[in-house]
Amino acid sequence: MKHLAIFIFCLAFALGNAQENYTTLIDAAYETMQKTKDGKNNTTALAMYENAFATYPDSVNVDGLYIASSLSAKLKKNNEAFNYLNRLVKLKTDEDGYPVWEYIVGKLAETEFQNILADTRWIAIKDNALKEKEQFFKTLEEQENEFYDVSKNDFSQIKNTKKLYKALKQFHPYKAKNNQNYSISFAINDSVKTSYFIHLPVHYSPEKKYPVLFFLHGAVRYSNLFEYQLANWNLGDWNRFYTKYANINDVILVFPSANKEYNWMTSDNGFFMISEMLKQIKQTINVDDDKVFVSGHSNGATGSFSYLMKQPTPFAGFYGFNTQPKVFTGGTFIENSKNRSFINFSTDQDYYYPPNANDDFTKLMHQVNADYKEFRYNGFPHWFPEFDESEPAYVILFNDLMSRKRNSFPKTITWEFDDDNYGNIDWISEAKLDTLSSKTSWHKELNFKIDKWLSYNENDSLITQVVDKKAFDFPRKSGKIKAEYNQNVFRIETSCIKSFAINISPEMINLNKKVMVYVNGILLFDSKVVYNKDFMLHNFEATKDRQQIWVNCIELKL
């Protein structure tokens, strides 16, 4: 037994060493190929790839075979090119689970293999790749159809409005799922599609309500929209601790795909995606409506913060790793953070947002009594989640997530916005700006100055630069609402607002009594509120939220 253990250890060491040496040879071959753009080094590079394959035959991978076949085709060594291509297509997927047919049918292949496109052998390889692609998407479609398979509910047949309200709260069309992981297509508009990847708990049961955590990726300016996603892309590497603790705590993970034009940070064209994806998920997965959260890294963390600032209603709390806490599409209205919570995991060597700015931001958040915490990890750069030392941060995140619930009917609301598309927060809805009126004395900008910023110089050394910038921009005039209710009395203060509505729930007031609404000290509404069937159905259809159900609204023009 002892000798067997030694043998296994030596074998594992040898395999690991072989893979490392293979990678070293492949990297050297790739660097040689890249040294000149006119292809003068292609012959040398191909020889280096061939040497790596011969020396470590058990380590040969898709990337190596693809480049070797491409080099062979460019050098017009057609037989060698097809030898590598035939070995390539037998592997089916690359190291990240990416289907090999993508290497053959993609647009890049037409350039890489232009010298052999007319060869019957290429035509046969491509035809087979197209068939595999067709089967791949057919399987995805079948899985997506199964994901959306639910029982039917026809609420329109319920005449009694109180019974309708109860039926909406008990909405339960859910069925068991055949898979743990799903890639779901998502239409951004009539011509643009992306996807989200959803990872369910191991023993998902349609009879149980589950927390949901959205993870927003970074580098949105440089990302592509993916029409499908794979488990390997989302559940390992930098996201490994999300997966670990989501599995431990039975939390559903959702990974959307964004790009420069459609994202959660720099463009409002894609900002709607997360709430719309959530609605889709709620139609088929039993979600705990009061336990939906958003997290992210870098641009994704800024996106998470942006949802706190602009559209927090469906969510219970927000998290960010290496966050730049700023709204890039408008004003950053810090007091909006009082409606939910945010936990920021920062590092002291972050070029994306400097520690001194995080210190001042934390002071400002505490000044407005926001539910905000920052955890600083010293000695780490911007890519903190890559390190094993980041694991304690995920323990903090999931401990908070499991203990936190959304207050669907908060007694007080503070809300500021500079775009009518974001004039909604919990029971305040459809608020519209009055940009011609003057601000009240309590409607003030909150900001601070940043005078130091970290950056990397030409030697990849982190240096401190002196800057002169404000933390937030305010490109447009904003409106602000401060609102509260107690029993059946609402008291609202407004600044630069021309109209808004108050959504009503029987969880908030006694519908058997009159409701009084005072706006800026003036009584504007004094009457009973009744159930409105069309209003209930319209709002439920828009959100699929079984907790925050509105039975009617009070519309107010100022």
Protein backbone atom coordinates (compact mmCIF):
# COMPACT_ATOMS: atom_id res chain seq x y z
CA MET A 1 0.00 0.00 0.00
CA LYS A 2 2.87 2.33 0.87
CA HIS A 3 4.58 1.70 -2.50
CA LEU A 4 1.26 2.32 -4.30
CA ALA A 5 0.84 5.66 -2.53
CA ILE A 6 4.37 6.67 -3.49
CA PHE A 7 3.72 5.63 -7.10
CA ILE A 8 0.50 7.67 -7.26
CA PHE A 9 2.24 10.70 -5.79
CA CYS A 10 5.11 10.46 -8.25
CA LEU A 11 2.71 9.99 -11.15
CA ALA A 12 0.67 13.04 -10.15
CA PHE A 13 3.86 15.07 -9.76
CA ALA A 14 5.12 13.94 -13.15
CA LEU A 15 1.81 14.75 -14.85
CA GLY A 16 1.71 18.17 -13.26
CA ASN A 17 5.32 18.81 -14.20
CA ALA A 18 4.64 17.66 -17.77
CA GLN A 19 1.67 20.02 -18.09
CA GLU A 20 3.77 22.89 -16.76
CA ASN A 21 6.61 22.16 -19.18
CA TYR A 22 4.17 21.74 -22.08
CA THR A 23 2.65 25.11 -21.26
CA THR A 24 6.10 26.67 -21.15
CA LEU A 25 6.90 25.34 -24.63
CA ILE A 26 3.55 26.41 -26.04
CA ASP A 27 3.88 29.90 -24.59
CA ALA A 28 7.35 30.24 -26.10
CA ALA A 29 6.02 29.10 -29.49
CA TYR A 30 3.17 31.62 -29.32
CA GLU A 31 5.55 34.44 -28.42
CA THR A 32 7.76 33.52 -31.36
CA MET A 33 4.76 33.63 -33.69
CA GLN A 34 3.75 37.06 -32.35
CA LYS A 35 7.16 38.66 -32.77
CA THR A 36 6.58 39.61 -36.39
CA LYS A 37 3.36 40.47 -38.18
CA ASP A 38 4.55 39.41 -41.64
CA GLY A 39 4.72 35.73 -40.72
CA LYS A 40 8.51 35.38 -40.97
CA ASN A 41 8.60 33.44 -37.71
CA ASN A 42 5.74 31.09 -38.61
CA THR A 43 8.03 28.24 -39.65
CA THR A 44 10.02 28.45 -36.43
CA ALA A 45 6.87 28.75 -34.33
CA LEU A 46 5.28 25.72 -36.00
CA ALA A 47 8.39 23.67 -35.33
CA MET A 48 8.21 24.69 -31.68
CA TYR A 49 4.55 23.59 -31.48
CA GLU A 50 5.41 20.27 -33.12
CA ASN A 51 8.23 19.75 -30.61
CA ALA A 52 5.86 20.44 -27.71
CA PHE A 53 3.32 17.93 -29.09
CA ALA A 54 5.98 15.27 -29.57
CA THR A 55 7.60 15.83 -26.17
CA TYR A 56 4.35 15.90 -24.18
CA PRO A 57 1.74 14.01 -26.25
CA ASP A 58 -0.62 13.59 -23.30
CA SER A 59 -0.77 17.35 -22.69
CA VAL A 60 -1.74 18.47 -26.19
CA ASN A 61 -4.73 20.82 -25.98
CA VAL A 62 -7.20 22.62 -28.24
CA ASP A 63 -5.42 25.98 -28.31
CA GLY A 64 -2.15 24.38 -29.33
CA LEU A 65 -3.73 22.29 -32.08
CA TYR A 66 -5.71 25.27 -33.38
CA ILE A 67 -2.66 27.50 -33.72
CA ALA A 68 -0.55 24.69 -35.19
CA SER A 69 -3.23 23.97 -37.81
CA SER A 70 -3.53 27.69 -38.58
CA LEU A 71 0.23 28.07 -38.97
CA SER A 72 0.36 25.00 -41.22
CA ALA A 73 -2.41 26.42 -43.41
CA LYS A 74 -0.63 29.77 -43.72
CA LEU A 75 2.57 27.96 -44.69
CA LYS A 76 0.52 25.94 -47.22
CA LYS A 77 1.35 22.68 -45.49
CA ASN A 78 -2.15 21.41 -46.09
CA ASN A 79 -1.67 17.82 -44.98
CA GLU A 80 -0.17 18.96 -41.67
CA ALA A 81 -3.02 21.48 -41.23
CA PHE A 82 -5.67 18.81 -41.63
CA ASN A 83 -3.77 16.42 -39.39
CA TYR A 84 -4.00 18.97 -36.57
CA LEU A 85 -7.57 19.93 -37.43
CA ASN A 86 -8.71 16.31 -37.29
CA ARG A 87 -7.08 15.92 -33.88
CA LEU A 88 -8.65 19.21 -32.83
CA VAL A 89 -12.25 18.34 -33.68
CA LYS A 90 -12.01 15.00 -31.86
CA LEU A 91 -11.52 16.88 -28.57
CA LYS A 92 -15.05 18.42 -28.85
CA THR A 93 -14.41 21.08 -26.17
CA ASP A 94 -11.45 23.17 -25.04
CA GLU A 95 -10.08 23.56 -21.53
CA ASP A 96 -12.86 25.99 -20.58
CA GLY A 97 -15.63 23.79 -21.96
CA TYR A 98 -15.92 25.96 -25.08
CA PRO A 99 -17.22 23.85 -28.05
CA VAL A 100 -14.58 23.18 -30.69
CA TRP A 101 -17.05 23.85 -33.51
CA GLU A 102 -16.71 27.56 -32.60
CA TYR A 103 -13.09 27.35 -33.77
CA ILE A 104 -14.23 26.11 -37.17
CA VAL A 105 -17.38 28.10 -37.99
CA GLY A 106 -16.39 31.45 -36.50
CA LYS A 107 -15.46 34.42 -38.67
CA LEU A 108 -11.84 34.24 -37.54
CA ALA A 109 -11.51 30.81 -39.17
CA GLU A 110 -12.05 32.33 -42.63
CA THR A 111 -8.88 34.39 -42.12
CA GLU A 112 -6.81 31.78 -40.32
CA PHE A 113 -7.57 29.03 -42.84
CA GLN A 114 -8.07 31.00 -46.04
CA ASN A 115 -5.51 28.89 -47.91
CA ILE A 116 -7.48 25.68 -47.38
CA LEU A 117 -11.10 26.89 -47.55
CA ALA A 118 -11.61 25.35 -50.99
CA ASP A 119 -10.16 21.97 -49.97
CA THR A 120 -12.83 19.25 -49.74
CA ARG A 121 -11.35 18.20 -46.41
CA TRP A 122 -12.06 21.67 -44.96
CA ILE A 123 -15.58 21.63 -46.37
CA ALA A 124 -16.22 18.28 -44.68
CA ILE A 125 -14.81 19.51 -41.33
CA LYS A 126 -16.90 22.67 -41.51
CA ASP A 127 -20.08 20.80 -42.46
CA ASN A 128 -19.63 18.54 -39.45
CA ALA A 129 -18.94 21.56 -37.22
CA LEU A 130 -22.15 23.20 -38.42
CA LYS A 131 -24.08 20.05 -37.55
CA GLU A 132 -22.54 20.01 -34.09
CA LYS A 133 -23.43 23.68 -33.69
CA GLU A 134 -27.03 22.97 -34.69
CA GLN A 135 -27.24 20.12 -32.19
CA PHE A 136 -25.64 22.27 -29.50
CA PHE A 137 -28.26 24.99 -29.82
CA LYS A 138 -31.04 22.44 -30.13
CA THR A 139 -29.98 21.00 -26.77
CA LEU A 140 -29.82 24.50 -25.27
CA GLU A 141 -33.32 25.22 -26.58
CA GLU A 142 -34.66 21.99 -25.10
CA GLN A 143 -33.10 22.82 -21.73
CA GLU A 144 -34.46 26.35 -21.85
CA ASN A 145 -37.96 25.08 -22.67
CA GLU A 146 -37.72 22.71 -19.73
CA PHE A 147 -36.51 25.59 -17.53
CA TYR A 148 -39.63 27.60 -18.41
CA ASP A 149 -42.02 24.67 -18.02
CA VAL A 150 -44.55 25.70 -15.36
CA SER A 151 -48.17 25.13 -14.42
CA LYS A 152 -50.70 27.54 -15.89
CA ASN A 153 -52.39 30.27 -13.84
CA ASP A 154 -55.32 32.32 -15.10
CA PHE A 155 -55.90 35.13 -12.62
CA SER A 156 -58.24 36.97 -14.98
CA GLN A 157 -61.05 34.56 -14.04
CA ILE A 158 -60.95 35.62 -10.37
CA LYS A 159 -63.65 38.25 -9.92
CA ASN A 160 -63.34 38.94 -6.19
CA THR A 161 -60.43 41.36 -5.72
CA LYS A 162 -59.56 40.19 -2.21
CA LYS A 163 -59.37 36.61 -3.45
CA LEU A 164 -57.24 37.82 -6.35
CA TYR A 165 -54.83 39.46 -3.94
CA LYS A 166 -54.54 36.23 -1.97
CA ALA A 167 -54.08 34.22 -5.17
CA LEU A 168 -51.24 36.49 -6.33
CA LYS A 169 -49.48 36.10 -2.99
CA GLN A 170 -49.80 32.33 -3.31
CA PHE A 171 -48.66 32.23 -6.95
CA HIS A 172 -46.96 28.85 -7.34
CA PRO A 173 -46.60 27.45 -10.88
CA TYR A 174 -43.25 25.81 -10.13
CA LYS A 175 -42.03 22.37 -11.15
CA ALA A 176 -38.90 20.37 -10.43
CA LYS A 177 -35.91 21.03 -12.70
CA ASN A 178 -33.95 18.42 -14.60
CA ASN A 179 -30.65 20.29 -14.39
CA GLN A 180 -28.68 22.34 -11.92
CA ASN A 181 -27.22 24.70 -14.53
CA TYR A 182 -29.00 26.53 -17.34
CA SER A 183 -27.89 28.94 -20.02
CA ILE A 184 -30.88 31.18 -20.77
CA SER A 185 -31.11 33.46 -23.80
CA PHE A 186 -32.24 37.03 -23.19
CA ALA A 187 -33.51 39.52 -25.78
CA ILE A 188 -32.22 43.04 -25.15
CA ASN A 189 -34.24 44.32 -28.10
CA ASP A 190 -35.54 43.01 -31.42
CA SER A 191 -32.05 42.60 -32.89
CA VAL A 192 -29.69 42.11 -29.94
CA LYS A 193 -29.51 39.10 -27.66
CA THR A 194 -27.41 38.14 -24.68
CA SER A 195 -27.76 35.45 -22.02
CA TYR A 196 -27.63 34.72 -18.35
CA PHE A 197 -26.35 31.60 -16.63
CA ILE A 198 -28.29 30.31 -13.63
CA HIS A 199 -26.90 27.86 -11.06
CA LEU A 200 -29.47 26.19 -8.80
CA PRO A 201 -28.93 24.55 -5.41
CA VAL A 202 -27.99 20.88 -5.64
CA HIS A 203 -31.31 19.70 -4.21
CA TYR A 204 -33.55 22.42 -5.62
CA SER A 205 -37.19 21.85 -4.69
CA PRO A 206 -40.06 23.83 -6.20
CA GLU A 207 -41.75 23.75 -2.80
CA LYS A 208 -39.06 25.87 -1.15
CA LYS A 209 -38.31 29.60 -1.60
CA TYR A 210 -34.67 30.41 -2.34
CA PRO A 211 -32.44 33.48 -2.05
CA VAL A 212 -31.00 34.77 -5.33
CA LEU A 213 -27.65 36.47 -5.90
CA PHE A 214 -26.83 38.19 -9.19
CA PHE A 215 -23.15 38.50 -10.02
CA LEU A 216 -22.25 41.36 -12.40
CA HIS A 217 -18.96 40.89 -14.23
CA GLY A 218 -16.39 43.62 -14.73
CA ALA A 219 -14.62 45.02 -17.80
CA VAL A 220 -17.92 45.86 -19.50
CA ARG A 221 -16.15 48.17 -21.93
CA TYR A 222 -14.18 45.24 -23.30
CA SER A 223 -16.71 42.41 -23.00
CA ASN A 224 -18.86 40.72 -25.60
CA LEU A 225 -22.47 39.64 -25.38
CA PHE A 226 -22.64 35.85 -25.25
CA GLU A 227 -25.71 34.16 -26.69
CA TYR A 228 -24.98 31.21 -24.41
CA GLN A 229 -22.84 30.54 -21.34
CA LEU A 230 -21.15 27.50 -19.82
CA ALA A 231 -20.63 26.38 -16.24
CA ASN A 232 -16.82 26.53 -16.57
CA TRP A 233 -17.00 30.21 -17.42
CA ASN A 234 -18.92 31.18 -14.31
CA LEU A 235 -18.53 28.76 -11.45
CA GLY A 236 -14.75 28.45 -11.09
CA ASP A 237 -11.66 30.64 -10.99
CA TRP A 238 -12.50 34.11 -9.63
CA ASN A 239 -16.08 33.01 -8.86
CA ARG A 240 -15.14 29.82 -7.05
CA PHE A 241 -16.07 31.19 -3.63
CA TYR A 242 -19.47 32.39 -4.87
CA THR A 243 -20.11 28.83 -6.00
CA LYS A 244 -18.78 27.28 -2.79
CA TYR A 245 -20.90 29.35 -0.41
CA ALA A 246 -23.97 29.45 -2.65
CA ASN A 247 -23.94 25.64 -2.63
CA ILE A 248 -23.50 25.55 1.14
CA ASN A 249 -26.35 28.02 1.74
CA ASP A 250 -28.76 26.95 -1.03
CA VAL A 251 -28.51 30.27 -2.87
CA ILE A 252 -29.36 30.60 -6.56
CA LEU A 253 -26.59 32.28 -8.57
CA VAL A 254 -27.26 34.30 -11.73
CA PHE A 255 -24.53 35.49 -14.13
CA PRO A 256 -25.66 38.00 -16.80
CA SER A 257 -23.57 38.89 -19.85
CA ALA A 258 -23.01 42.55 -20.78
CA ASN A 259 -20.89 44.60 -23.18
CA LYS A 260 -19.93 48.23 -23.80
CA GLU A 261 -23.30 49.25 -25.21
CA TYR A 262 -25.59 47.18 -22.99
CA ASN A 263 -24.46 47.06 -19.38
CA TRP A 264 -25.15 48.11 -15.80
CA MET A 265 -22.61 50.91 -15.46
CA THR A 266 -21.85 53.10 -18.47
CA SER A 267 -25.09 52.77 -20.41
CA ASP A 268 -28.77 52.94 -19.56
CA ASN A 269 -29.49 50.84 -22.67
CA GLY A 270 -28.85 47.70 -20.66
CA PHE A 271 -29.70 48.80 -17.14
CA PHE A 272 -33.14 47.21 -17.33
CA MET A 273 -31.63 43.76 -17.85
CA ILE A 274 -31.24 42.64 -14.23
CA SER A 275 -34.79 43.39 -13.09
CA GLU A 276 -36.18 41.86 -16.29
CA MET A 277 -34.07 38.73 -15.86
CA LEU A 278 -35.28 38.51 -12.27
CA LYS A 279 -38.89 38.63 -13.46
CA GLN A 280 -38.21 35.81 -15.92
CA ILE A 281 -36.61 33.72 -13.20
CA LYS A 282 -39.50 34.32 -10.79
CA GLN A 283 -41.90 32.90 -13.36
CA THR A 284 -40.25 29.49 -13.22
CA ILE A 285 -38.10 29.29 -10.05
CA ASN A 286 -39.44 29.61 -6.51
CA VAL A 287 -37.62 32.76 -5.43
CA ASP A 288 -37.82 34.38 -2.01
CA ASP A 289 -38.88 37.87 -3.14
CA ASP A 290 -37.43 39.47 -0.02
CA LYS A 291 -34.02 37.86 -0.48
CA VAL A 292 -32.72 38.94 -3.89
CA PHE A 293 -29.23 40.46 -3.93
CA VAL A 294 -26.69 41.95 -6.34
CA SER A 295 -22.91 41.64 -6.21
CA GLY A 296 -20.07 42.26 -8.62
CA HIS A 297 -16.40 43.00 -9.13
CA SER A 298 -14.88 46.19 -10.56
CA ASN A 299 -17.33 47.51 -13.22
CA GLY A 300 -19.76 44.92 -11.88
CA ALA A 301 -19.38 46.29 -8.35
CA THR A 302 -20.03 49.79 -9.69
CA GLY A 303 -23.09 48.29 -11.39
CA SER A 304 -24.25 46.83 -8.09
CA PHE A 305 -23.86 50.26 -6.49
CA SER A 306 -25.77 51.82 -9.41
CA TYR A 307 -28.78 49.58 -8.76
CA LEU A 308 -28.70 50.72 -5.13
CA MET A 309 -28.77 54.33 -6.34
CA LYS A 310 -31.26 54.00 -9.21
CA GLN A 311 -33.40 50.85 -8.99
CA PRO A 312 -33.24 49.08 -5.60
CA THR A 313 -36.90 48.07 -5.26
CA PRO A 314 -36.65 44.34 -6.19
CA PHE A 315 -33.54 43.81 -4.08
CA ALA A 316 -32.70 43.31 -0.42
CA GLY A 317 -29.04 44.33 -0.44
CA PHE A 318 -25.94 44.98 -2.52
CA TYR A 319 -22.27 43.99 -2.45
CA GLY A 320 -19.17 45.00 -4.34
CA PHE A 321 -15.57 43.85 -4.64
CA ASN A 322 -13.21 46.71 -5.55
CA THR A 323 -16.05 49.13 -6.12
CA GLN A 324 -15.96 52.60 -7.61
CA PRO A 325 -19.07 53.97 -5.87
CA LYS A 326 -20.38 56.31 -8.51
CA VAL A 327 -23.25 56.51 -10.99
CA PHE A 328 -21.76 57.06 -14.44
CA THR A 329 -25.03 57.85 -16.24
CA GLY A 330 -26.19 60.69 -14.01
CA GLY A 331 -26.03 62.04 -10.49
CA THR A 332 -24.92 59.96 -7.50
CA PHE A 333 -27.53 60.62 -4.81
CA ILE A 334 -26.01 59.19 -1.68
CA GLU A 335 -29.09 59.40 0.51
CA ASN A 336 -30.77 56.85 -1.77
CA SER A 337 -28.53 54.31 -0.05
CA LYS A 338 -30.67 54.64 3.08
CA ASN A 339 -33.35 52.51 1.41
CA ARG A 340 -31.18 49.36 1.32
CA SER A 341 -27.67 48.19 2.31
CA PHE A 342 -24.24 47.96 0.72
CA ILE A 343 -21.09 46.09 1.73
CA ASN A 344 -17.85 47.03 -0.03
CA PHE A 345 -14.75 44.84 -0.04
CA SER A 346 -11.82 47.10 -0.90
CA THR A 347 -8.05 46.75 -1.15
CA ASP A 348 -5.23 49.20 -0.48
CA GLN A 349 -3.49 48.65 -3.84
CA ASP A 350 -6.46 49.30 -6.12
CA TYR A 351 -5.97 51.45 -9.22
CA TYR A 352 -9.75 51.47 -9.79
CA TYR A 353 -10.60 53.40 -6.63
CA PRO A 354 -7.99 54.57 -4.10
CA PRO A 355 -8.09 53.80 -0.36
CA ASN A 356 -8.21 57.50 0.61
CA ALA A 357 -11.37 57.94 -1.49
CA ASN A 358 -12.90 54.85 0.12
CA ASP A 359 -12.16 56.38 3.53
CA ASP A 360 -13.97 59.61 2.63
CA PHE A 361 -16.83 57.72 1.01
CA THR A 362 -17.29 55.63 4.16
CA LYS A 363 -17.42 58.82 6.25
CA LEU A 364 -20.10 60.25 3.94
CA MET A 365 -22.19 57.08 4.10
CA HIS A 366 -22.05 57.08 7.88
CA GLN A 367 -22.91 60.79 7.89
CA VAL A 368 -26.23 60.06 6.16
CA ASN A 369 -26.83 57.00 8.40
CA ALA A 370 -26.67 54.56 5.51
CA ASP A 371 -26.54 50.82 6.14
CA TYR A 372 -23.01 50.61 4.74
CA LYS A 373 -19.89 48.66 5.67
CA GLU A 374 -16.43 48.59 4.15
CA PHE A 375 -13.91 45.80 4.70
CA ARG A 376 -10.35 46.73 3.71
CA TYR A 377 -7.85 44.02 2.70
CA ASN A 378 -4.27 45.28 2.69
CA GLY A 379 -1.58 44.02 0.36
CA PHE A 380 -3.88 43.14 -2.55
CA PRO A 381 -4.45 44.73 -5.99
CA HIS A 382 -7.64 45.34 -7.92
CA TRP A 383 -8.02 41.66 -8.85
CA PHE A 384 -8.55 40.67 -5.21
CA PRO A 385 -11.05 37.81 -5.94
CA GLU A 386 -8.28 35.93 -7.74
CA PHE A 387 -6.51 35.34 -4.41
CA ASP A 388 -7.38 32.60 -1.92
CA GLU A 389 -7.10 35.25 0.78
CA SER A 390 -10.35 36.76 -0.50
CA GLU A 391 -12.37 33.83 0.88
CA PRO A 392 -13.14 35.50 4.27
CA ALA A 393 -14.88 38.29 2.35
CA TYR A 394 -17.29 35.78 0.84
CA VAL A 395 -18.01 34.38 4.28
CA ILE A 396 -18.99 37.91 5.36
CA LEU A 397 -21.12 38.36 2.22
CA PHE A 398 -23.07 35.13 2.59
CA ASN A 399 -23.52 35.56 6.35
CA ASP A 400 -25.09 38.94 5.63
CA LEU A 401 -27.15 37.59 2.74
CA MET A 402 -28.61 34.76 4.79
CA SER A 403 -29.57 37.03 7.68
CA ARG A 404 -30.92 39.96 5.66
CA LYS A 405 -34.43 40.45 4.26
CA ARG A 406 -35.96 43.26 2.26
CA ASN A 407 -38.48 45.43 4.03
CA SER A 408 -41.13 45.46 1.31
CA PHE A 409 -43.16 48.21 2.96
CA PRO A 410 -40.71 50.61 4.64
CA LYS A 411 -42.18 53.30 6.86
CA THR A 412 -39.85 55.97 5.44
CA ILE A 413 -38.42 56.62 1.98
CA THR A 414 -35.84 59.11 0.75
CA TRP A 415 -35.49 59.21 -3.02
CA GLU A 416 -33.67 61.49 -5.45
CA PHE A 417 -33.40 61.10 -9.22
CA ASP A 418 -32.56 63.08 -12.36
CA ASP A 419 -34.22 60.82 -14.92
CA ASP A 420 -37.98 60.12 -14.94
CA ASN A 421 -37.23 56.48 -15.79
CA TYR A 422 -35.99 56.06 -12.22
CA GLY A 423 -38.77 57.82 -10.32
CA ASN A 424 -39.78 54.61 -8.52
CA ILE A 425 -38.83 53.24 -5.12
CA ASP A 426 -41.01 50.77 -3.20
CA TRP A 427 -44.38 52.49 -2.62
CA ILE A 428 -43.38 55.73 -4.36
CA SER A 429 -43.97 55.36 -8.10
CA GLU A 430 -44.16 57.29 -11.37
CA ALA A 431 -42.49 60.37 -9.87
CA LYS A 432 -41.84 63.06 -12.49
CA LEU A 433 -39.36 65.93 -12.39
CA ASP A 434 -40.19 69.62 -12.34
CA THR A 435 -36.94 71.07 -13.64
CA LEU A 436 -38.26 74.66 -13.68
CA SER A 437 -38.88 74.98 -9.96
CA SER A 438 -36.25 75.87 -7.37
CA LYS A 439 -34.76 73.42 -4.93
CA THR A 440 -35.85 73.49 -1.32
CA SER A 441 -33.33 74.24 1.42
CA TRP A 442 -33.06 70.55 2.37
CA HIS A 443 -32.37 69.45 -1.22
CA LYS A 444 -28.57 69.62 -1.33
CA GLU A 445 -25.74 67.95 -3.22
CA LEU A 446 -23.48 65.66 -1.22
CA ASN A 447 -19.98 65.23 -2.58
CA PHE A 448 -16.31 65.16 -1.64
CA LYS A 449 -12.96 65.82 -3.25
CA ILE A 450 -10.46 63.15 -4.30
CA ASP A 451 -6.84 64.36 -4.39
CA LYS A 452 -4.91 61.08 -4.73
CA TRP A 453 -5.28 58.20 -7.18
CA LEU A 454 -3.23 55.04 -7.65
CA SER A 455 -2.00 53.99 -11.08
CA TYR A 456 0.61 51.77 -12.72
CA ASN A 457 3.60 53.34 -14.45
CA GLU A 458 5.46 52.03 -17.49
CA ASN A 459 7.35 49.61 -15.23
CA ASP A 460 4.10 48.16 -13.83
CA SER A 461 4.86 49.74 -10.47
CA LEU A 462 1.99 51.19 -8.47
CA ILE A 463 2.42 54.92 -7.91
CA THR A 464 0.33 57.66 -6.31
CA GLN A 465 -0.78 60.50 -8.55
CA VAL A 466 -2.05 63.86 -7.38
CA VAL A 467 -5.49 64.58 -8.85
CA ASP A 468 -8.16 67.21 -8.47
CA LYS A 469 -11.57 65.66 -8.98
CA LYS A 470 -14.94 65.37 -7.36
CA ALA A 471 -16.22 61.95 -6.34
CA PHE A 472 -19.55 62.42 -8.14
CA ASP A 473 -20.90 64.23 -11.19
CA PHE A 474 -24.29 65.94 -11.33
CA PRO A 475 -24.99 66.53 -15.03
CA ARG A 476 -28.72 67.16 -14.66
CA LYS A 477 -31.14 68.80 -12.28
CA SER A 478 -32.69 66.35 -9.84
CA GLY A 479 -35.89 66.02 -7.87
CA LYS A 480 -36.20 64.64 -4.37
CA ILE A 481 -38.90 63.08 -2.22
CA LYS A 482 -38.95 62.44 1.50
CA ALA A 483 -41.92 60.31 2.52
CA GLU A 484 -43.29 58.48 5.53
CA TYR A 485 -46.51 56.88 6.68
CA ASN A 486 -48.01 55.88 9.99
CA GLN A 487 -51.24 53.94 10.12
CA ASN A 488 -53.34 55.59 7.35
CA VAL A 489 -51.56 58.94 7.19
CA PHE A 490 -48.85 59.73 4.61
CA ARG A 491 -46.66 62.81 4.95
CA ILE A 492 -44.58 63.72 1.90
CA GLU A 493 -42.07 66.49 1.24
CA THR A 494 -40.97 67.19 -2.32
CA SER A 495 -38.43 69.30 -4.16
CA CYS A 496 -38.54 69.81 -7.94
CA ILE A 497 -41.29 67.19 -8.34
CA LYS A 498 -44.43 67.81 -10.40
CA SER A 499 -46.26 64.53 -9.81
CA PHE A 500 -45.98 61.09 -8.25
CA ALA A 501 -48.11 58.20 -7.04
CA ILE A 502 -48.34 56.28 -3.79
CA ASN A 503 -48.75 52.53 -4.22
CA ILE A 504 -51.05 50.97 -1.66
CA SER A 505 -50.89 47.56 -0.01
CA PRO A 506 -53.19 46.15 2.67
CA GLU A 507 -49.93 45.32 4.49
CA MET A 508 -49.42 49.07 4.94
CA ILE A 509 -52.83 50.52 5.79
CA ASN A 510 -56.34 49.64 6.89
CA LEU A 511 -58.39 49.68 3.69
CA ASN A 512 -61.60 49.98 5.71
CA LYS A 513 -60.59 53.49 6.75
CA LYS A 514 -59.84 56.68 4.88
CA VAL A 515 -56.30 57.48 3.80
CA MET A 516 -54.94 60.98 4.26
CA VAL A 517 -52.00 62.27 2.25
CA TYR A 518 -50.22 65.49 3.17
CA VAL A 519 -47.77 66.86 0.59
CA ASN A 520 -45.59 69.75 1.73
CA GLY A 521 -47.99 70.28 4.62
CA ILE A 522 -51.14 70.42 2.46
CA LEU A 523 -53.83 67.73 2.59
CA LEU A 524 -54.18 66.49 -1.02
CA PHE A 525 -56.05 63.22 -0.48
CA ASP A 526 -58.64 62.21 2.08
CA SER A 527 -60.61 59.16 1.01
CA LYS A 528 -60.78 55.39 1.09
CA VAL A 529 -58.71 53.27 -1.28
CA VAL A 530 -60.30 50.20 -2.85
CA TYR A 531 -58.88 47.14 -4.57
CA ASN A 532 -58.32 47.66 -8.30
CA LYS A 533 -58.17 44.39 -10.25
CA ASP A 534 -56.55 45.77 -13.42
CA PHE A 535 -53.95 47.68 -11.41
CA MET A 536 -53.07 44.59 -9.37
CA LEU A 537 -52.70 42.36 -12.41
CA HIS A 538 -50.68 44.93 -14.35
CA ASN A 539 -48.18 45.45 -11.53
CA PHE A 540 -47.86 41.76 -10.76
CA GLU A 541 -47.24 40.99 -14.40
CA ALA A 542 -44.48 43.62 -14.43
CA THR A 543 -42.56 42.19 -11.47
CA LYS A 544 -43.88 38.72 -10.47
CA ASP A 545 -43.24 39.89 -6.91
CA ARG A 546 -45.44 37.92 -4.49
CA GLN A 547 -44.52 40.02 -1.46
CA GLN A 548 -44.74 43.57 -2.73
CA ILE A 549 -48.19 43.47 -4.28
CA TRP A 550 -49.93 46.79 -4.88
CA VAL A 551 -53.75 46.81 -4.93
CA ASN A 552 -54.17 50.43 -6.07
CA CYS A 553 -52.39 53.77 -6.12
CA ILE A 554 -53.06 57.38 -5.21
CA GLU A 555 -52.01 59.72 -8.03
CA LEU A 556 -50.92 63.20 -6.99
CA LYS A 557 -50.16 66.25 -9.11
CA LEU A 558 -48.45 69.21 -7.45
